[in-house]
Amino acid sequence: MKPVDQFKVLIVEDDPFFLRVLQRRITSEGYQVLTAGDGREGMKAIVTFEPDLVVSDWMMPEVDGLELCQAVKTGLREAAPYFILLTAKGEISDKLLALETGADDYLTKPCDQGELMARVRAGARIVALTQDLRRTVADLKVANAALAASGPASGHGPSPDGITVCHSCQRISRPDGSWQDVRAYVASQTGSPPGQGTCPDCAAAGEMGGSSSAQAA
């Protein structure tokens, strides 16, 4: 889980006094905090600061919190920050609208500071778990791709052409079920018969055999 001092929180609030209160409270918990005085500043801060969580007022001039939330969730999709919307609107229809627009949580002003911090900590846990899950999925995809690529070559899976080599006579089994001498198989694949030679291992084995015979004599 990401350490608290690496977790970024953006506060978007047009009331300077309430903005300072929120900033002091959230900073006291150890989070990195950046503030914005309205929705337009908040939009720019999301791009530059890349917060993990946003605490935003709903009622603001020009770009309000709901518009900010919708733009961020639509534009960034899975990379969008966790979004807590604060508002004096307490009707259930307002809460439903906020959540349906993309807000992850909703608090009615005036909100208790303890409850706000509980919501922030809960959001931080959700963000951390989501990030860990994405990393795990990405690691699994890489591992599966590596396994698929190395399977046939390592002998843990069938050849892509369905070829099997007999461990006794070294003949090759073709996909049609027939068995073919390895020299004939190479000729059929390359258009010419293979040349002859001795590999270093066999040459070394022959020299060792010759030395042993000479010593015995």
N, C-alpha and C. Protein backbone atom coordinates (compact mmCIF):
# COMPACT_ATOMS: atom_id res chain seq x y z
N MET A 1 0.84 -1.20 0.00
CA MET A 1 0.00 0.00 0.00
C MET A 1 0.87 1.24 0.00
N LYS A 2 0.48 2.27 -0.77
CA LYS A 2 1.26 3.49 -0.88
C LYS A 2 1.33 4.20 0.47
N PRO A 3 2.54 4.64 0.90
CA PRO A 3 2.65 5.38 2.16
C PRO A 3 1.80 6.65 2.14
N VAL A 4 1.34 7.05 3.32
CA VAL A 4 0.47 8.23 3.42
C VAL A 4 1.15 9.46 2.85
N ASP A 5 2.45 9.63 3.09
CA ASP A 5 3.13 10.85 2.65
C ASP A 5 3.35 10.88 1.14
N GLN A 6 3.03 9.78 0.45
CA GLN A 6 3.10 9.77 -1.01
C GLN A 6 1.72 9.86 -1.66
N PHE A 7 0.68 9.90 -0.84
CA PHE A 7 -0.69 9.94 -1.33
C PHE A 7 -1.09 11.41 -1.54
N LYS A 8 -1.55 11.73 -2.76
CA LYS A 8 -1.84 13.12 -3.13
C LYS A 8 -3.33 13.42 -3.05
N VAL A 9 -3.66 14.52 -2.37
CA VAL A 9 -5.05 14.95 -2.24
C VAL A 9 -5.17 16.38 -2.78
N LEU A 10 -6.14 16.58 -3.66
CA LEU A 10 -6.44 17.91 -4.18
C LEU A 10 -7.74 18.40 -3.57
N ILE A 11 -7.72 19.62 -3.02
CA ILE A 11 -8.92 20.24 -2.46
C ILE A 11 -9.35 21.37 -3.38
N VAL A 12 -10.60 21.32 -3.83
CA VAL A 12 -11.14 22.36 -4.71
C VAL A 12 -12.30 23.01 -3.97
N GLU A 13 -12.12 24.28 -3.58
CA GLU A 13 -13.10 24.97 -2.75
C GLU A 13 -12.98 26.47 -2.97
N ASP A 14 -14.13 27.15 -3.24
CA ASP A 14 -14.09 28.59 -3.51
C ASP A 14 -14.23 29.44 -2.25
N ASP A 15 -14.50 28.82 -1.11
CA ASP A 15 -14.55 29.54 0.16
C ASP A 15 -13.17 29.50 0.79
N PRO A 16 -12.43 30.64 0.82
CA PRO A 16 -11.04 30.64 1.31
C PRO A 16 -10.90 30.11 2.73
N PHE A 17 -11.85 30.46 3.62
CA PHE A 17 -11.76 30.02 5.01
C PHE A 17 -11.91 28.50 5.11
N PHE A 18 -12.96 27.97 4.48
CA PHE A 18 -13.19 26.54 4.53
C PHE A 18 -12.06 25.78 3.83
N LEU A 19 -11.51 26.38 2.77
CA LEU A 19 -10.38 25.76 2.06
C LEU A 19 -9.19 25.59 3.00
N ARG A 20 -8.87 26.64 3.80
CA ARG A 20 -7.74 26.55 4.73
C ARG A 20 -8.01 25.51 5.82
N VAL A 21 -9.28 25.44 6.29
CA VAL A 21 -9.62 24.44 7.30
C VAL A 21 -9.39 23.04 6.78
N LEU A 22 -9.86 22.78 5.57
CA LEU A 22 -9.68 21.46 4.96
C LEU A 22 -8.20 21.15 4.74
N GLN A 23 -7.48 22.16 4.27
CA GLN A 23 -6.06 21.96 3.99
C GLN A 23 -5.29 21.59 5.26
N ARG A 24 -5.53 22.32 6.35
CA ARG A 24 -4.84 22.03 7.60
C ARG A 24 -5.20 20.63 8.11
N ARG A 25 -6.47 20.30 8.03
CA ARG A 25 -6.93 19.01 8.58
C ARG A 25 -6.34 17.84 7.81
N ILE A 26 -6.38 17.90 6.51
CA ILE A 26 -5.89 16.78 5.70
C ILE A 26 -4.37 16.71 5.73
N THR A 27 -3.71 17.86 5.74
CA THR A 27 -2.25 17.89 5.83
C THR A 27 -1.77 17.30 7.15
N SER A 28 -2.52 17.52 8.22
CA SER A 28 -2.14 17.00 9.53
C SER A 28 -2.11 15.48 9.57
N GLU A 29 -2.79 14.84 8.63
CA GLU A 29 -2.79 13.37 8.56
C GLU A 29 -1.59 12.84 7.79
N GLY A 30 -0.78 13.75 7.21
CA GLY A 30 0.42 13.33 6.50
C GLY A 30 0.31 13.29 4.99
N TYR A 31 -0.88 13.58 4.45
CA TYR A 31 -1.06 13.53 3.00
C TYR A 31 -0.41 14.74 2.32
N GLN A 32 0.00 14.54 1.05
CA GLN A 32 0.41 15.66 0.22
C GLN A 32 -0.85 16.39 -0.24
N VAL A 33 -0.92 17.69 -0.04
CA VAL A 33 -2.15 18.42 -0.33
C VAL A 33 -1.85 19.60 -1.25
N LEU A 34 -2.71 19.76 -2.26
CA LEU A 34 -2.68 20.93 -3.14
C LEU A 34 -4.09 21.50 -3.16
N THR A 35 -4.21 22.83 -3.26
CA THR A 35 -5.52 23.47 -3.25
C THR A 35 -5.79 24.21 -4.55
N ALA A 36 -7.07 24.35 -4.86
CA ALA A 36 -7.52 25.13 -6.02
C ALA A 36 -8.76 25.90 -5.62
N GLY A 37 -8.86 27.16 -6.08
CA GLY A 37 -9.95 28.04 -5.66
C GLY A 37 -11.23 27.90 -6.45
N ASP A 38 -11.22 27.18 -7.55
CA ASP A 38 -12.44 26.97 -8.34
C ASP A 38 -12.24 25.78 -9.26
N GLY A 39 -13.29 25.46 -10.03
CA GLY A 39 -13.25 24.29 -10.88
C GLY A 39 -12.23 24.36 -12.00
N ARG A 40 -12.02 25.56 -12.54
CA ARG A 40 -11.03 25.69 -13.63
C ARG A 40 -9.62 25.42 -13.10
N GLU A 41 -9.30 26.01 -11.94
CA GLU A 41 -8.00 25.74 -11.33
C GLU A 41 -7.88 24.25 -10.97
N GLY A 42 -8.98 23.69 -10.51
CA GLY A 42 -8.98 22.28 -10.17
C GLY A 42 -8.67 21.40 -11.35
N MET A 43 -9.22 21.75 -12.51
CA MET A 43 -8.98 20.98 -13.73
C MET A 43 -7.50 20.99 -14.10
N LYS A 44 -6.88 22.18 -14.00
CA LYS A 44 -5.45 22.29 -14.31
C LYS A 44 -4.62 21.52 -13.29
N ALA A 45 -5.01 21.60 -12.02
CA ALA A 45 -4.25 20.92 -10.97
C ALA A 45 -4.32 19.41 -11.12
N ILE A 46 -5.43 18.89 -11.58
CA ILE A 46 -5.56 17.44 -11.78
C ILE A 46 -4.58 16.96 -12.84
N VAL A 47 -4.36 17.79 -13.86
CA VAL A 47 -3.42 17.42 -14.93
C VAL A 47 -1.98 17.49 -14.44
N THR A 48 -1.63 18.54 -13.70
CA THR A 48 -0.24 18.74 -13.28
C THR A 48 0.12 17.99 -11.99
N PHE A 49 -0.80 17.96 -11.03
CA PHE A 49 -0.53 17.36 -9.72
C PHE A 49 -0.80 15.86 -9.71
N GLU A 50 -1.70 15.41 -10.57
CA GLU A 50 -2.10 14.01 -10.67
C GLU A 50 -2.48 13.44 -9.29
N PRO A 51 -3.53 13.99 -8.69
CA PRO A 51 -3.91 13.54 -7.35
C PRO A 51 -4.49 12.13 -7.35
N ASP A 52 -4.36 11.47 -6.21
CA ASP A 52 -5.00 10.17 -6.03
C ASP A 52 -6.46 10.35 -5.60
N LEU A 53 -6.74 11.48 -4.95
CA LEU A 53 -8.08 11.74 -4.41
C LEU A 53 -8.38 13.23 -4.51
N VAL A 54 -9.63 13.54 -4.83
CA VAL A 54 -10.07 14.93 -4.93
C VAL A 54 -11.22 15.16 -3.96
N VAL A 55 -11.12 16.23 -3.16
CA VAL A 55 -12.22 16.69 -2.32
C VAL A 55 -12.69 18.01 -2.92
N SER A 56 -13.90 18.05 -3.44
CA SER A 56 -14.35 19.23 -4.17
C SER A 56 -15.73 19.70 -3.72
N ASP A 57 -15.86 21.02 -3.60
CA ASP A 57 -17.17 21.63 -3.37
C ASP A 57 -17.99 21.48 -4.64
N TRP A 58 -19.32 21.41 -4.48
CA TRP A 58 -20.19 21.32 -5.65
C TRP A 58 -20.46 22.71 -6.22
N MET A 59 -20.94 23.64 -5.38
CA MET A 59 -21.38 24.95 -5.85
C MET A 59 -20.19 25.91 -5.96
N MET A 60 -19.72 26.09 -7.20
CA MET A 60 -18.61 27.01 -7.49
C MET A 60 -18.91 27.74 -8.79
N PRO A 61 -18.38 28.96 -8.96
CA PRO A 61 -18.62 29.70 -10.20
C PRO A 61 -17.91 29.06 -11.39
N GLU A 62 -18.42 29.37 -12.58
CA GLU A 62 -17.87 28.91 -13.85
C GLU A 62 -17.93 27.38 -13.98
N VAL A 63 -16.98 26.66 -13.43
CA VAL A 63 -17.00 25.20 -13.48
C VAL A 63 -17.29 24.69 -12.08
N ASP A 64 -18.46 24.08 -11.86
CA ASP A 64 -18.78 23.61 -10.52
C ASP A 64 -18.21 22.21 -10.28
N GLY A 65 -18.38 21.72 -9.06
CA GLY A 65 -17.80 20.44 -8.70
C GLY A 65 -18.35 19.27 -9.48
N LEU A 66 -19.63 19.32 -9.80
CA LEU A 66 -20.24 18.23 -10.54
C LEU A 66 -19.69 18.18 -11.97
N GLU A 67 -19.53 19.36 -12.58
CA GLU A 67 -18.96 19.41 -13.93
C GLU A 67 -17.50 18.95 -13.91
N LEU A 68 -16.77 19.34 -12.87
CA LEU A 68 -15.37 18.92 -12.74
C LEU A 68 -15.29 17.40 -12.61
N CYS A 69 -16.13 16.84 -11.76
CA CYS A 69 -16.16 15.39 -11.57
C CYS A 69 -16.48 14.66 -12.86
N GLN A 70 -17.48 15.12 -13.56
CA GLN A 70 -17.90 14.46 -14.81
C GLN A 70 -16.79 14.52 -15.85
N ALA A 71 -16.14 15.69 -15.97
CA ALA A 71 -15.07 15.85 -16.95
C ALA A 71 -13.89 14.93 -16.64
N VAL A 72 -13.53 14.85 -15.36
CA VAL A 72 -12.40 14.03 -14.95
C VAL A 72 -12.70 12.55 -15.13
N LYS A 73 -13.86 12.11 -14.70
CA LYS A 73 -14.20 10.70 -14.80
C LYS A 73 -14.36 10.26 -16.25
N THR A 74 -14.88 11.14 -17.08
CA THR A 74 -15.07 10.80 -18.50
C THR A 74 -13.74 10.82 -19.24
N GLY A 75 -12.91 11.82 -18.94
CA GLY A 75 -11.65 11.98 -19.66
C GLY A 75 -10.58 10.98 -19.24
N LEU A 76 -10.44 10.75 -17.94
CA LEU A 76 -9.36 9.91 -17.45
C LEU A 76 -9.78 8.45 -17.25
N ARG A 77 -11.07 8.21 -17.20
CA ARG A 77 -11.62 6.85 -17.04
C ARG A 77 -10.97 6.11 -15.86
N GLU A 78 -10.28 4.99 -16.11
CA GLU A 78 -9.73 4.20 -15.01
C GLU A 78 -8.64 4.94 -14.24
N ALA A 79 -8.00 5.91 -14.90
CA ALA A 79 -6.92 6.66 -14.24
C ALA A 79 -7.45 7.84 -13.44
N ALA A 80 -8.77 8.05 -13.43
CA ALA A 80 -9.35 9.18 -12.71
C ALA A 80 -9.17 9.03 -11.21
N PRO A 81 -8.96 10.14 -10.49
CA PRO A 81 -8.81 10.06 -9.04
C PRO A 81 -10.13 9.75 -8.34
N TYR A 82 -10.03 9.27 -7.13
CA TYR A 82 -11.20 9.07 -6.28
C TYR A 82 -11.78 10.45 -5.99
N PHE A 83 -13.11 10.58 -6.07
CA PHE A 83 -13.72 11.92 -6.02
C PHE A 83 -14.76 11.99 -4.90
N ILE A 84 -14.50 12.89 -3.93
CA ILE A 84 -15.45 13.15 -2.84
C ILE A 84 -16.07 14.52 -3.07
N LEU A 85 -17.39 14.56 -3.20
CA LEU A 85 -18.10 15.81 -3.48
C LEU A 85 -18.72 16.35 -2.20
N LEU A 86 -18.47 17.64 -1.91
CA LEU A 86 -19.03 18.32 -0.74
C LEU A 86 -20.07 19.33 -1.20
N THR A 87 -21.22 19.37 -0.54
CA THR A 87 -22.25 20.33 -0.93
C THR A 87 -23.26 20.55 0.18
N ALA A 88 -23.90 21.72 0.12
CA ALA A 88 -24.97 22.03 1.06
C ALA A 88 -26.28 21.39 0.61
N LYS A 89 -26.29 20.85 -0.60
CA LYS A 89 -27.49 20.19 -1.11
C LYS A 89 -27.66 18.85 -0.43
N GLY A 90 -28.74 18.71 0.32
CA GLY A 90 -28.93 17.49 1.09
C GLY A 90 -30.05 16.60 0.61
N GLU A 91 -30.71 16.96 -0.48
CA GLU A 91 -31.80 16.14 -0.99
C GLU A 91 -31.26 14.83 -1.57
N ILE A 92 -32.05 13.78 -1.42
CA ILE A 92 -31.64 12.48 -1.93
C ILE A 92 -31.44 12.51 -3.44
N SER A 93 -32.23 13.34 -4.12
CA SER A 93 -32.09 13.45 -5.58
C SER A 93 -30.73 14.04 -5.95
N ASP A 94 -30.23 14.96 -5.11
CA ASP A 94 -28.91 15.56 -5.37
C ASP A 94 -27.81 14.51 -5.16
N LYS A 95 -27.95 13.71 -4.11
CA LYS A 95 -26.97 12.66 -3.85
C LYS A 95 -26.93 11.65 -5.00
N LEU A 96 -28.11 11.27 -5.47
CA LEU A 96 -28.18 10.32 -6.58
C LEU A 96 -27.55 10.91 -7.83
N LEU A 97 -27.82 12.20 -8.09
CA LEU A 97 -27.25 12.85 -9.26
C LEU A 97 -25.73 12.86 -9.18
N ALA A 98 -25.21 13.19 -7.99
CA ALA A 98 -23.75 13.23 -7.81
C ALA A 98 -23.12 11.86 -8.05
N LEU A 99 -23.70 10.83 -7.47
CA LEU A 99 -23.14 9.49 -7.60
C LEU A 99 -23.28 8.96 -9.02
N GLU A 100 -24.40 9.26 -9.66
CA GLU A 100 -24.60 8.81 -11.04
C GLU A 100 -23.68 9.55 -12.01
N THR A 101 -23.26 10.77 -11.65
CA THR A 101 -22.36 11.54 -12.50
C THR A 101 -20.93 11.02 -12.40
N GLY A 102 -20.61 10.30 -11.33
CA GLY A 102 -19.27 9.72 -11.21
C GLY A 102 -18.60 9.92 -9.88
N ALA A 103 -19.22 10.70 -8.97
CA ALA A 103 -18.62 10.90 -7.66
C ALA A 103 -18.54 9.57 -6.92
N ASP A 104 -17.43 9.35 -6.22
CA ASP A 104 -17.26 8.11 -5.46
C ASP A 104 -17.84 8.22 -4.06
N ASP A 105 -17.94 9.45 -3.55
CA ASP A 105 -18.50 9.66 -2.22
C ASP A 105 -19.12 11.05 -2.17
N TYR A 106 -19.94 11.27 -1.15
CA TYR A 106 -20.74 12.50 -1.08
C TYR A 106 -20.93 12.88 0.38
N LEU A 107 -20.62 14.15 0.73
CA LEU A 107 -20.82 14.63 2.09
C LEU A 107 -21.58 15.94 2.06
N THR A 108 -22.52 16.08 2.98
CA THR A 108 -23.32 17.30 3.05
C THR A 108 -22.68 18.29 4.02
N LYS A 109 -22.54 19.53 3.58
CA LYS A 109 -22.03 20.61 4.44
C LYS A 109 -23.13 21.08 5.38
N PRO A 110 -22.76 21.54 6.57
CA PRO A 110 -21.41 21.47 7.17
C PRO A 110 -21.12 20.04 7.61
N CYS A 111 -19.94 19.55 7.24
CA CYS A 111 -19.60 18.15 7.54
C CYS A 111 -18.66 18.08 8.73
N ASP A 112 -18.80 17.03 9.48
CA ASP A 112 -17.93 16.79 10.62
C ASP A 112 -16.53 16.45 10.12
N GLN A 113 -15.51 17.08 10.71
CA GLN A 113 -14.13 16.87 10.26
C GLN A 113 -13.69 15.42 10.45
N GLY A 114 -14.14 14.81 11.55
CA GLY A 114 -13.80 13.41 11.77
C GLY A 114 -14.39 12.50 10.70
N GLU A 115 -15.65 12.76 10.32
CA GLU A 115 -16.28 11.96 9.28
C GLU A 115 -15.59 12.18 7.94
N LEU A 116 -15.23 13.44 7.66
CA LEU A 116 -14.54 13.73 6.41
C LEU A 116 -13.24 12.94 6.31
N MET A 117 -12.45 12.94 7.40
CA MET A 117 -11.18 12.23 7.37
C MET A 117 -11.39 10.72 7.27
N ALA A 118 -12.46 10.22 7.87
CA ALA A 118 -12.76 8.80 7.73
C ALA A 118 -13.06 8.47 6.27
N ARG A 119 -13.76 9.35 5.59
CA ARG A 119 -14.07 9.14 4.16
C ARG A 119 -12.78 9.23 3.33
N VAL A 120 -11.90 10.16 3.67
CA VAL A 120 -10.64 10.30 2.95
C VAL A 120 -9.79 9.04 3.13
N ARG A 121 -9.70 8.55 4.37
CA ARG A 121 -8.91 7.34 4.61
C ARG A 121 -9.51 6.13 3.89
N ALA A 122 -10.83 6.04 3.88
CA ALA A 122 -11.48 4.94 3.16
C ALA A 122 -11.19 5.04 1.67
N GLY A 123 -11.25 6.26 1.13
CA GLY A 123 -10.93 6.46 -0.28
C GLY A 123 -9.49 6.09 -0.59
N ALA A 124 -8.57 6.43 0.32
CA ALA A 124 -7.16 6.10 0.12
C ALA A 124 -6.97 4.58 0.07
N ARG A 125 -7.67 3.86 0.94
CA ARG A 125 -7.56 2.39 0.92
C ARG A 125 -8.09 1.82 -0.39
N ILE A 126 -9.20 2.36 -0.87
CA ILE A 126 -9.78 1.87 -2.12
C ILE A 126 -8.84 2.14 -3.29
N VAL A 127 -8.25 3.34 -3.31
CA VAL A 127 -7.31 3.69 -4.38
C VAL A 127 -6.11 2.74 -4.35
N ALA A 128 -5.56 2.50 -3.15
CA ALA A 128 -4.39 1.63 -3.03
C ALA A 128 -4.71 0.21 -3.49
N LEU A 129 -5.86 -0.32 -3.10
CA LEU A 129 -6.25 -1.66 -3.51
C LEU A 129 -6.45 -1.75 -5.02
N THR A 130 -7.06 -0.71 -5.58
CA THR A 130 -7.27 -0.68 -7.03
C THR A 130 -5.96 -0.65 -7.78
N GLN A 131 -5.01 0.16 -7.32
CA GLN A 131 -3.71 0.24 -7.96
C GLN A 131 -2.96 -1.09 -7.85
N ASP A 132 -3.03 -1.72 -6.68
CA ASP A 132 -2.38 -3.03 -6.51
C ASP A 132 -3.00 -4.07 -7.44
N LEU A 133 -4.31 -4.04 -7.58
CA LEU A 133 -4.99 -5.00 -8.46
C LEU A 133 -4.57 -4.80 -9.91
N ARG A 134 -4.47 -3.54 -10.33
CA ARG A 134 -4.05 -3.27 -11.72
C ARG A 134 -2.63 -3.76 -11.96
N ARG A 135 -1.74 -3.56 -10.98
CA ARG A 135 -0.37 -4.04 -11.13
C ARG A 135 -0.33 -5.56 -11.20
N THR A 136 -1.15 -6.21 -10.38
CA THR A 136 -1.18 -7.67 -10.38
C THR A 136 -1.68 -8.20 -11.73
N VAL A 137 -2.72 -7.59 -12.25
CA VAL A 137 -3.26 -8.00 -13.56
C VAL A 137 -2.21 -7.81 -14.65
N ALA A 138 -1.49 -6.67 -14.61
CA ALA A 138 -0.45 -6.41 -15.60
C ALA A 138 0.67 -7.44 -15.50
N ASP A 139 1.09 -7.78 -14.26
CA ASP A 139 2.14 -8.78 -14.07
C ASP A 139 1.69 -10.15 -14.58
N LEU A 140 0.43 -10.50 -14.35
CA LEU A 140 -0.09 -11.79 -14.82
C LEU A 140 -0.10 -11.86 -16.35
N LYS A 141 -0.45 -10.75 -16.98
CA LYS A 141 -0.45 -10.72 -18.45
C LYS A 141 0.95 -10.93 -18.99
N VAL A 142 1.94 -10.28 -18.36
CA VAL A 142 3.33 -10.43 -18.80
C VAL A 142 3.79 -11.88 -18.58
N ALA A 143 3.46 -12.45 -17.42
CA ALA A 143 3.85 -13.82 -17.12
C ALA A 143 3.21 -14.81 -18.08
N ASN A 144 1.93 -14.61 -18.39
CA ASN A 144 1.24 -15.50 -19.32
C ASN A 144 1.84 -15.41 -20.72
N ALA A 145 2.20 -14.18 -21.13
CA ALA A 145 2.80 -14.01 -22.45
C ALA A 145 4.16 -14.70 -22.51
N ALA A 146 4.95 -14.57 -21.43
CA ALA A 146 6.27 -15.22 -21.39
C ALA A 146 6.13 -16.73 -21.39
N LEU A 147 5.15 -17.25 -20.65
CA LEU A 147 4.92 -18.69 -20.60
C LEU A 147 4.50 -19.23 -21.95
N ALA A 148 3.61 -18.49 -22.63
CA ALA A 148 3.16 -18.92 -23.96
C ALA A 148 4.30 -18.92 -24.96
N ALA A 149 5.20 -17.94 -24.83
CA ALA A 149 6.32 -17.84 -25.77
C ALA A 149 7.37 -18.90 -25.52
N SER A 150 7.59 -19.26 -24.25
CA SER A 150 8.66 -20.20 -23.92
C SER A 150 8.21 -21.65 -23.86
N GLY A 151 6.89 -21.90 -23.86
CA GLY A 151 6.39 -23.26 -23.70
C GLY A 151 6.93 -24.26 -24.71
N PRO A 152 6.71 -24.06 -26.02
CA PRO A 152 7.17 -25.03 -27.02
C PRO A 152 8.67 -25.20 -27.02
N ALA A 153 9.42 -24.05 -26.88
CA ALA A 153 10.87 -24.12 -26.95
C ALA A 153 11.45 -24.86 -25.76
N SER A 154 10.80 -24.80 -24.60
CA SER A 154 11.34 -25.44 -23.41
C SER A 154 10.92 -26.89 -23.27
N GLY A 155 10.09 -27.36 -24.19
CA GLY A 155 9.68 -28.75 -24.16
C GLY A 155 8.50 -29.02 -23.27
N HIS A 156 7.85 -27.97 -22.76
CA HIS A 156 6.70 -28.16 -21.88
C HIS A 156 5.38 -28.15 -22.65
N GLY A 157 5.46 -28.07 -23.94
CA GLY A 157 4.25 -28.07 -24.73
C GLY A 157 4.54 -28.64 -26.10
N PRO A 158 3.53 -28.88 -26.91
CA PRO A 158 3.75 -29.47 -28.22
C PRO A 158 4.39 -28.47 -29.17
N SER A 159 5.12 -28.99 -30.15
CA SER A 159 5.68 -28.14 -31.19
C SER A 159 4.56 -27.47 -31.95
N PRO A 160 4.76 -26.21 -32.40
CA PRO A 160 3.70 -25.55 -33.15
C PRO A 160 3.33 -26.27 -34.42
N ASP A 161 4.24 -27.14 -34.96
CA ASP A 161 3.94 -27.90 -36.17
C ASP A 161 3.47 -29.31 -35.84
N GLY A 162 3.32 -29.67 -34.58
CA GLY A 162 2.90 -31.01 -34.20
C GLY A 162 3.99 -32.04 -34.40
N ILE A 163 5.29 -31.66 -34.30
CA ILE A 163 6.41 -32.56 -34.57
C ILE A 163 6.88 -33.21 -33.28
N THR A 164 7.13 -34.54 -33.32
CA THR A 164 7.67 -35.28 -32.18
C THR A 164 8.88 -36.06 -32.64
N VAL A 165 9.94 -36.08 -31.82
CA VAL A 165 11.16 -36.82 -32.15
C VAL A 165 11.22 -38.07 -31.29
N CYS A 166 11.40 -39.23 -31.91
CA CYS A 166 11.53 -40.49 -31.17
C CYS A 166 12.84 -40.49 -30.39
N HIS A 167 12.77 -40.81 -29.10
CA HIS A 167 13.98 -40.77 -28.28
C HIS A 167 14.92 -41.93 -28.57
N SER A 168 14.43 -42.97 -29.28
CA SER A 168 15.27 -44.13 -29.58
C SER A 168 15.93 -44.01 -30.95
N CYS A 169 15.11 -43.90 -31.99
CA CYS A 169 15.66 -43.89 -33.34
C CYS A 169 15.84 -42.49 -33.91
N GLN A 170 15.35 -41.48 -33.22
CA GLN A 170 15.47 -40.07 -33.61
C GLN A 170 14.70 -39.74 -34.89
N ARG A 171 13.77 -40.63 -35.29
CA ARG A 171 12.92 -40.27 -36.43
C ARG A 171 11.88 -39.25 -35.97
N ILE A 172 11.33 -38.56 -36.94
CA ILE A 172 10.41 -37.46 -36.65
C ILE A 172 8.99 -37.84 -37.03
N SER A 173 8.05 -37.56 -36.13
CA SER A 173 6.64 -37.80 -36.40
C SER A 173 6.03 -36.54 -36.98
N ARG A 174 5.39 -36.68 -38.13
CA ARG A 174 4.75 -35.56 -38.80
C ARG A 174 3.32 -35.41 -38.32
N PRO A 175 2.68 -34.27 -38.56
CA PRO A 175 1.29 -34.06 -38.14
C PRO A 175 0.32 -35.09 -38.71
N ASP A 176 0.66 -35.68 -39.88
CA ASP A 176 -0.24 -36.67 -40.49
C ASP A 176 -0.07 -38.06 -39.89
N GLY A 177 0.84 -38.22 -38.90
CA GLY A 177 1.02 -39.50 -38.24
C GLY A 177 2.18 -40.33 -38.79
N SER A 178 2.77 -39.93 -39.90
CA SER A 178 3.88 -40.69 -40.47
C SER A 178 5.18 -40.35 -39.75
N TRP A 179 6.15 -41.32 -39.83
CA TRP A 179 7.47 -41.12 -39.22
C TRP A 179 8.50 -41.00 -40.32
N GLN A 180 9.42 -40.06 -40.18
CA GLN A 180 10.35 -39.75 -41.25
C GLN A 180 11.76 -39.61 -40.68
N ASP A 181 12.74 -40.12 -41.45
CA ASP A 181 14.12 -39.96 -41.05
C ASP A 181 14.46 -38.47 -40.97
N VAL A 182 15.26 -38.10 -40.00
CA VAL A 182 15.54 -36.69 -39.78
C VAL A 182 16.20 -36.04 -41.00
N ARG A 183 17.08 -36.81 -41.71
CA ARG A 183 17.73 -36.25 -42.90
C ARG A 183 16.70 -35.99 -43.99
N ALA A 184 15.74 -36.92 -44.14
CA ALA A 184 14.69 -36.73 -45.15
C ALA A 184 13.79 -35.55 -44.78
N TYR A 185 13.54 -35.41 -43.48
CA TYR A 185 12.70 -34.30 -43.04
C TYR A 185 13.37 -32.96 -43.32
N VAL A 186 14.67 -32.85 -43.02
CA VAL A 186 15.39 -31.60 -43.29
C VAL A 186 15.38 -31.29 -44.77
N ALA A 187 15.58 -32.34 -45.59
CA ALA A 187 15.57 -32.13 -47.04
C ALA A 187 14.21 -31.64 -47.52
N SER A 188 13.12 -32.19 -46.93
CA SER A 188 11.78 -31.77 -47.35
C SER A 188 11.48 -30.32 -46.95
N GLN A 189 12.11 -29.87 -45.88
CA GLN A 189 11.86 -28.51 -45.41
C GLN A 189 12.74 -27.48 -46.10
N THR A 190 13.98 -27.88 -46.45
CA THR A 190 14.93 -26.93 -47.03
C THR A 190 15.09 -27.06 -48.53
N GLY A 191 14.68 -28.21 -49.09
CA GLY A 191 14.82 -28.41 -50.53
C GLY A 191 16.14 -29.04 -50.92
N SER A 192 17.01 -29.33 -49.97
CA SER A 192 18.29 -29.97 -50.27
C SER A 192 18.70 -30.82 -49.07
N PRO A 193 19.39 -31.93 -49.32
CA PRO A 193 19.79 -32.79 -48.20
C PRO A 193 20.85 -32.10 -47.34
N PRO A 194 20.87 -32.41 -46.06
CA PRO A 194 21.87 -31.78 -45.19
C PRO A 194 23.24 -32.35 -45.41
N GLY A 195 24.28 -31.55 -45.16
CA GLY A 195 25.65 -32.04 -45.23
C GLY A 195 25.96 -32.87 -44.01
N GLN A 196 27.15 -33.48 -44.01
CA GLN A 196 27.56 -34.31 -42.90
C GLN A 196 28.75 -33.68 -42.19
N GLY A 197 28.84 -33.93 -40.91
CA GLY A 197 29.93 -33.41 -40.11
C GLY A 197 29.86 -34.02 -38.72
N THR A 198 30.76 -33.63 -37.88
CA THR A 198 30.80 -34.13 -36.51
C THR A 198 30.74 -32.95 -35.55
N CYS A 199 29.79 -33.01 -34.62
CA CYS A 199 29.65 -31.92 -33.66
C CYS A 199 30.79 -31.98 -32.64
N PRO A 200 31.13 -30.90 -31.98
CA PRO A 200 32.24 -30.89 -31.01
C PRO A 200 32.09 -31.93 -29.91
N ASP A 201 30.86 -32.15 -29.42
CA ASP A 201 30.65 -33.11 -28.35
C ASP A 201 30.99 -34.53 -28.80
N CYS A 202 30.52 -34.90 -30.00
CA CYS A 202 30.80 -36.25 -30.51
C CYS A 202 32.28 -36.41 -30.82
N ALA A 203 32.90 -35.33 -31.33
CA ALA A 203 34.33 -35.40 -31.63
C ALA A 203 35.12 -35.62 -30.35
N ALA A 204 34.74 -34.90 -29.28
CA ALA A 204 35.43 -35.06 -28.01
C ALA A 204 35.23 -36.46 -27.46
N ALA A 205 34.01 -36.98 -27.60
CA ALA A 205 33.73 -38.32 -27.12
C ALA A 205 34.56 -39.35 -27.88
N GLY A 206 34.72 -39.13 -29.20
CA GLY A 206 35.53 -40.05 -30.00
C GLY A 206 36.99 -40.04 -29.58
N GLU A 207 37.51 -38.83 -29.28
CA GLU A 207 38.91 -38.74 -28.86
C GLU A 207 39.12 -39.43 -27.51
N MET A 208 38.15 -39.27 -26.61
CA MET A 208 38.27 -39.93 -25.32
C MET A 208 38.24 -41.45 -25.45
N GLY A 209 37.36 -41.91 -26.37
CA GLY A 209 37.28 -43.33 -26.60
C GLY A 209 38.57 -43.88 -27.16
N GLY A 210 39.18 -43.13 -28.11
CA GLY A 210 40.45 -43.56 -28.71
C GLY A 210 41.56 -43.61 -27.68
N SER A 211 41.59 -42.64 -26.78
CA SER A 211 42.64 -42.60 -25.75
C SER A 211 42.50 -43.76 -24.82
N SER A 212 41.28 -44.10 -24.46
CA SER A 212 41.04 -45.23 -23.53
C SER A 212 41.48 -46.53 -24.16
N SER A 213 41.24 -46.70 -25.48
CA SER A 213 41.61 -47.92 -26.15
C SER A 213 43.13 -48.06 -26.20
N ALA A 214 43.80 -46.93 -26.45
CA ALA A 214 45.27 -46.96 -26.53
C ALA A 214 45.87 -47.31 -25.19
N GLN A 215 45.30 -46.78 -24.09
CA GLN A 215 45.82 -47.08 -22.79
C GLN A 215 45.62 -48.56 -22.44
N ALA A 216 44.46 -49.10 -22.83
CA ALA A 216 44.19 -50.49 -22.52
C ALA A 216 45.14 -51.42 -23.25
N ALA A 217 45.54 -51.03 -24.51
CA ALA A 217 46.45 -51.84 -25.27
C ALA A 217 47.84 -51.79 -24.64
